Amino acid sequence: MLQVGATAFDKYEWGLVQPGGPTVQLIQVFDRHSELADELR
Protein backbone atom coordinates (compact mmCIF):
# COMPACT_ATOMS: atom_id res chain seq x y z
CA MET A 1 0.00 0.00 0.00
CA LEU A 2 2.74 2.48 0.88
CA GLN A 3 5.09 1.21 -1.82
CA VAL A 4 8.21 1.48 0.31
CA GLY A 5 11.21 -0.81 0.52
CA ALA A 6 11.48 -3.64 3.01
CA THR A 7 13.69 -1.63 5.39
CA ALA A 8 11.92 1.72 5.04
CA PHE A 9 10.12 1.53 8.37
CA ASP A 10 13.33 0.53 10.14
CA LYS A 11 14.99 3.61 8.68
CA TYR A 12 12.08 5.78 9.85
CA GLU A 13 12.30 4.34 13.36
CA TRP A 14 16.07 4.79 13.48
CA GLY A 15 15.75 8.40 12.32
CA LEU A 16 17.85 7.82 9.21
CA VAL A 17 15.17 9.13 6.82
CA GLN A 18 11.94 11.07 7.09
CA PRO A 19 8.77 9.64 5.52
CA GLY A 20 7.21 11.58 2.67
CA GLY A 21 4.04 13.66 2.95
CA PRO A 22 1.49 11.03 1.91
CA THR A 23 3.05 8.45 4.23
CA VAL A 24 2.96 10.88 7.15
CA GLN A 25 -0.68 11.69 6.44
CA LEU A 26 -1.64 8.02 6.33
CA ILE A 27 0.18 7.34 9.60
CA GLN A 28 -1.65 10.28 11.18
CA VAL A 29 -5.01 8.94 10.01
CA PHE A 30 -4.24 5.52 11.50
CA ASP A 31 -3.02 7.17 14.70
CA ARG A 32 -6.37 8.95 15.08
CA HIS A 33 -8.53 6.09 13.75
CA SER A 34 -6.74 2.83 14.48
CA GLU A 35 -9.90 0.86 13.74
CA LEU A 36 -9.37 1.63 10.05
CA ALA A 37 -6.24 -0.52 9.99
CA ASP A 38 -8.42 -3.55 10.73
CA GLU A 39 -10.21 -3.03 7.44
CA LEU A 40 -6.94 -3.42 5.52
CA ARG A 41 -6.13 -6.83 6.98
PDB file of N, CA and C in Angstrom:
ATOM      1  N   MET A   1       0.811  -1.186   0.000  1.00  0.00           N
ATOM      2  CA  MET A   1       0.000   0.000   0.000  1.00  0.00           C
ATOM      3  C   MET A   1       0.861   1.260   0.000  1.00  0.00           C
ATOM      4  N   LEU A   2       1.907   1.290   0.818  1.00  0.00           N
ATOM      5  CA  LEU A   2       2.742   2.485   0.877  1.00  0.00           C
ATOM      6  C   LEU A   2       3.847   2.493  -0.173  1.00  0.00           C
ATOM      7  N   GLN A   3       4.063   1.352  -0.790  1.00  0.00           N
ATOM      8  CA  GLN A   3       5.093   1.213  -1.817  1.00  0.00           C
ATOM      9  C   GLN A   3       6.450   1.719  -1.345  1.00  0.00           C
ATOM     10  N   VAL A   4       6.898   1.164  -0.228  1.00  0.00           N
ATOM     11  CA  VAL A   4       8.210   1.483   0.311  1.00  0.00           C
ATOM     12  C   VAL A   4       9.023   0.202   0.389  1.00  0.00           C
ATOM     13  N   GLY A   5      10.328   0.341   0.450  1.00  0.00           N
ATOM     14  CA  GLY A   5      11.208  -0.813   0.524  1.00  0.00           C
ATOM     15  C   GLY A   5      11.060  -1.570   1.836  1.00  0.00           C
ATOM     16  N   ALA A   6      11.615  -2.751   1.859  1.00  0.00           N
ATOM     17  CA  ALA A   6      11.483  -3.640   3.013  1.00  0.00           C
ATOM     18  C   ALA A   6      12.048  -3.033   4.295  1.00  0.00           C
ATOM     19  N   THR A   7      13.067  -2.203   4.188  1.00  0.00           N
ATOM     20  CA  THR A   7      13.694  -1.633   5.387  1.00  0.00           C
ATOM     21  C   THR A   7      13.273  -0.188   5.656  1.00  0.00           C
ATOM     22  N   ALA A   8      12.314   0.314   4.906  1.00  0.00           N
ATOM     23  CA  ALA A   8      11.924   1.720   5.036  1.00  0.00           C
ATOM     24  C   ALA A   8      11.462   2.053   6.454  1.00  0.00           C
ATOM     25  N   PHE A   9      10.618   1.205   7.044  1.00  0.00           N
ATOM     26  CA  PHE A   9      10.116   1.526   8.371  1.00  0.00           C
ATOM     27  C   PHE A   9      11.217   1.453   9.416  1.00  0.00           C
ATOM     28  N   ASP A  10      12.176   0.559   9.241  1.00  0.00           N
ATOM     29  CA  ASP A  10      13.332   0.534  10.139  1.00  0.00           C
ATOM     30  C   ASP A  10      14.079   1.853  10.059  1.00  0.00           C
ATOM     31  N   LYS A  11      14.269   2.347   8.851  1.00  0.00           N
ATOM     32  CA  LYS A  11      14.988   3.613   8.680  1.00  0.00           C
ATOM     33  C   LYS A  11      14.227   4.779   9.305  1.00  0.00           C
ATOM     34  N   TYR A  12      12.886   4.743   9.199  1.00  0.00           N
ATOM     35  CA  TYR A  12      12.076   5.778   9.846  1.00  0.00           C
ATOM     36  C   TYR A  12      12.267   5.725  11.356  1.00  0.00           C
ATOM     37  N   GLU A  13      12.185   4.512  11.913  1.00  0.00           N
ATOM     38  CA  GLU A  13      12.301   4.341  13.359  1.00  0.00           C
ATOM     39  C   GLU A  13      13.683   4.727  13.863  1.00  0.00           C
ATOM     40  N   TRP A  14      14.698   4.469  13.082  1.00  0.00           N
ATOM     41  CA  TRP A  14      16.071   4.788  13.482  1.00  0.00           C
ATOM     42  C   TRP A  14      16.406   6.257  13.252  1.00  0.00           C
ATOM     43  N   GLY A  15      15.511   6.980  12.584  1.00  0.00           N
ATOM     44  CA  GLY A  15      15.746   8.401  12.321  1.00  0.00           C
ATOM     45  C   GLY A  15      16.697   8.665  11.173  1.00  0.00           C
ATOM     46  N   LEU A  16      16.923   7.658  10.323  1.00  0.00           N
ATOM     47  CA  LEU A  16      17.854   7.819   9.207  1.00  0.00           C
ATOM     48  C   LEU A  16      17.217   8.571   8.032  1.00  0.00           C
ATOM     49  N   VAL A  17      15.901   8.438   7.877  1.00  0.00           N
ATOM     50  CA  VAL A  17      15.173   9.128   6.817  1.00  0.00           C
ATOM     51  C   VAL A  17      13.843   9.607   7.369  1.00  0.00           C
ATOM     52  N   GLN A  18      13.259  10.576   6.721  1.00  0.00           N
ATOM     53  CA  GLN A  18      11.944  11.068   7.086  1.00  0.00           C
ATOM     54  C   GLN A  18      10.939  10.565   6.046  1.00  0.00           C
ATOM     55  N   PRO A  19       9.779  10.082   6.486  1.00  0.00           N
ATOM     56  CA  PRO A  19       8.772   9.637   5.525  1.00  0.00           C
ATOM     57  C   PRO A  19       8.228  10.822   4.736  1.00  0.00           C
ATOM     58  N   GLY A  20       7.775  10.550   3.521  1.00  0.00           N
ATOM     59  CA  GLY A  20       7.211  11.581   2.671  1.00  0.00           C
ATOM     60  C   GLY A  20       5.825  12.009   3.134  1.00  0.00           C
ATOM     61  N   GLY A  21       5.324  13.089   2.577  1.00  0.00           N
ATOM     62  CA  GLY A  21       4.045  13.664   2.955  1.00  0.00           C
ATOM     63  C   GLY A  21       2.880  12.695   2.987  1.00  0.00           C
ATOM     64  N   PRO A  22       2.621  11.949   1.903  1.00  0.00           N
ATOM     65  CA  PRO A  22       1.487  11.026   1.915  1.00  0.00           C
ATOM     66  C   PRO A  22       1.625   9.933   2.974  1.00  0.00           C
ATOM     67  N   THR A  23       2.832   9.471   3.204  1.00  0.00           N
ATOM     68  CA  THR A  23       3.052   8.450   4.227  1.00  0.00           C
ATOM     69  C   THR A  23       2.763   9.011   5.609  1.00  0.00           C
ATOM     70  N   VAL A  24       3.218  10.225   5.860  1.00  0.00           N
ATOM     71  CA  VAL A  24       2.965  10.875   7.146  1.00  0.00           C
ATOM     72  C   VAL A  24       1.466  11.064   7.353  1.00  0.00           C
ATOM     73  N   GLN A  25       0.766  11.482   6.323  1.00  0.00           N
ATOM     74  CA  GLN A  25      -0.678  11.692   6.439  1.00  0.00           C
ATOM     75  C   GLN A  25      -1.404  10.389   6.738  1.00  0.00           C
ATOM     76  N   LEU A  26      -1.003   9.314   6.085  1.00  0.00           N
ATOM     77  CA  LEU A  26      -1.640   8.024   6.330  1.00  0.00           C
ATOM     78  C   LEU A  26      -1.371   7.549   7.756  1.00  0.00           C
ATOM     79  N   ILE A  27      -0.161   7.715   8.219  1.00  0.00           N
ATOM     80  CA  ILE A  27       0.177   7.339   9.597  1.00  0.00           C
ATOM     81  C   ILE A  27      -0.650   8.151  10.585  1.00  0.00           C
ATOM     82  N   GLN A  28      -0.842   9.433  10.308  1.00  0.00           N
ATOM     83  CA  GLN A  28      -1.652  10.283  11.184  1.00  0.00           C
ATOM     84  C   GLN A  28      -3.110   9.822  11.207  1.00  0.00           C
ATOM     85  N   VAL A  29      -3.632   9.442  10.059  1.00  0.00           N
ATOM     86  CA  VAL A  29      -5.008   8.938  10.008  1.00  0.00           C
ATOM     87  C   VAL A  29      -5.120   7.677  10.863  1.00  0.00           C
ATOM     88  N   PHE A  30      -4.185   6.745  10.712  1.00  0.00           N
ATOM     89  CA  PHE A  30      -4.236   5.519  11.500  1.00  0.00           C
ATOM     90  C   PHE A  30      -4.016   5.796  12.980  1.00  0.00           C
ATOM     91  N   ASP A  31      -3.234   6.812  13.297  1.00  0.00           N
ATOM     92  CA  ASP A  31      -3.023   7.170  14.698  1.00  0.00           C
ATOM     93  C   ASP A  31      -4.325   7.650  15.328  1.00  0.00           C
ATOM     94  N   ARG A  32      -5.097   8.408  14.577  1.00  0.00           N
ATOM     95  CA  ARG A  32      -6.367   8.947  15.082  1.00  0.00           C
ATOM     96  C   ARG A  32      -7.508   7.929  14.999  1.00  0.00           C
ATOM     97  N   HIS A  33      -7.443   7.037  14.017  1.00  0.00           N
ATOM     98  CA  HIS A  33      -8.529   6.091  13.754  1.00  0.00           C
ATOM     99  C   HIS A  33      -7.954   4.694  13.549  1.00  0.00           C
ATOM    100  N   SER A  34      -7.414   4.127  14.596  1.00  0.00           N
ATOM    101  CA  SER A  34      -6.743   2.834  14.481  1.00  0.00           C
ATOM    102  C   SER A  34      -7.663   1.720  13.997  1.00  0.00           C
ATOM    103  N   GLU A  35      -8.966   1.898  14.188  1.00  0.00           N
ATOM    104  CA  GLU A  35      -9.903   0.862  13.743  1.00  0.00           C
ATOM    105  C   GLU A  35      -9.882   0.708  12.217  1.00  0.00           C
ATOM    106  N   LEU A  36      -9.441   1.724  11.497  1.00  0.00           N
ATOM    107  CA  LEU A  36      -9.373   1.630  10.046  1.00  0.00           C
ATOM    108  C   LEU A  36      -8.326   0.628   9.578  1.00  0.00           C
ATOM    109  N   ALA A  37      -7.289   0.434  10.357  1.00  0.00           N
ATOM    110  CA  ALA A  37      -6.243  -0.516   9.987  1.00  0.00           C
ATOM    111  C   ALA A  37      -6.807  -1.930   9.912  1.00  0.00           C
ATOM    112  N   ASP A  38      -7.800  -2.227  10.757  1.00  0.00           N
ATOM    113  CA  ASP A  38      -8.419  -3.553  10.728  1.00  0.00           C
ATOM    114  C   ASP A  38      -9.064  -3.854   9.387  1.00  0.00           C
ATOM    115  N   GLU A  39      -9.557  -2.831   8.734  1.00  0.00           N
ATOM    116  CA  GLU A  39     -10.211  -3.027   7.438  1.00  0.00           C
ATOM    117  C   GLU A  39      -9.216  -3.403   6.341  1.00  0.00           C
ATOM    118  N   LEU A  40      -7.955  -3.123   6.541  1.00  0.00           N
ATOM    119  CA  LEU A  40      -6.943  -3.419   5.522  1.00  0.00           C
ATOM    120  C   LEU A  40      -6.390  -4.840   5.666  1.00  0.00           C
ATOM    121  N   ARG A  41      -6.664  -5.480   6.747  1.00  0.00           N
ATOM    122  CA  ARG A  41      -6.132  -6.833   6.984  1.00  0.00           C
ATOM    123  C   ARG A  41      -6.946  -7.874   6.294  1.00  0.00           C
TER     124      ARG A  41
END
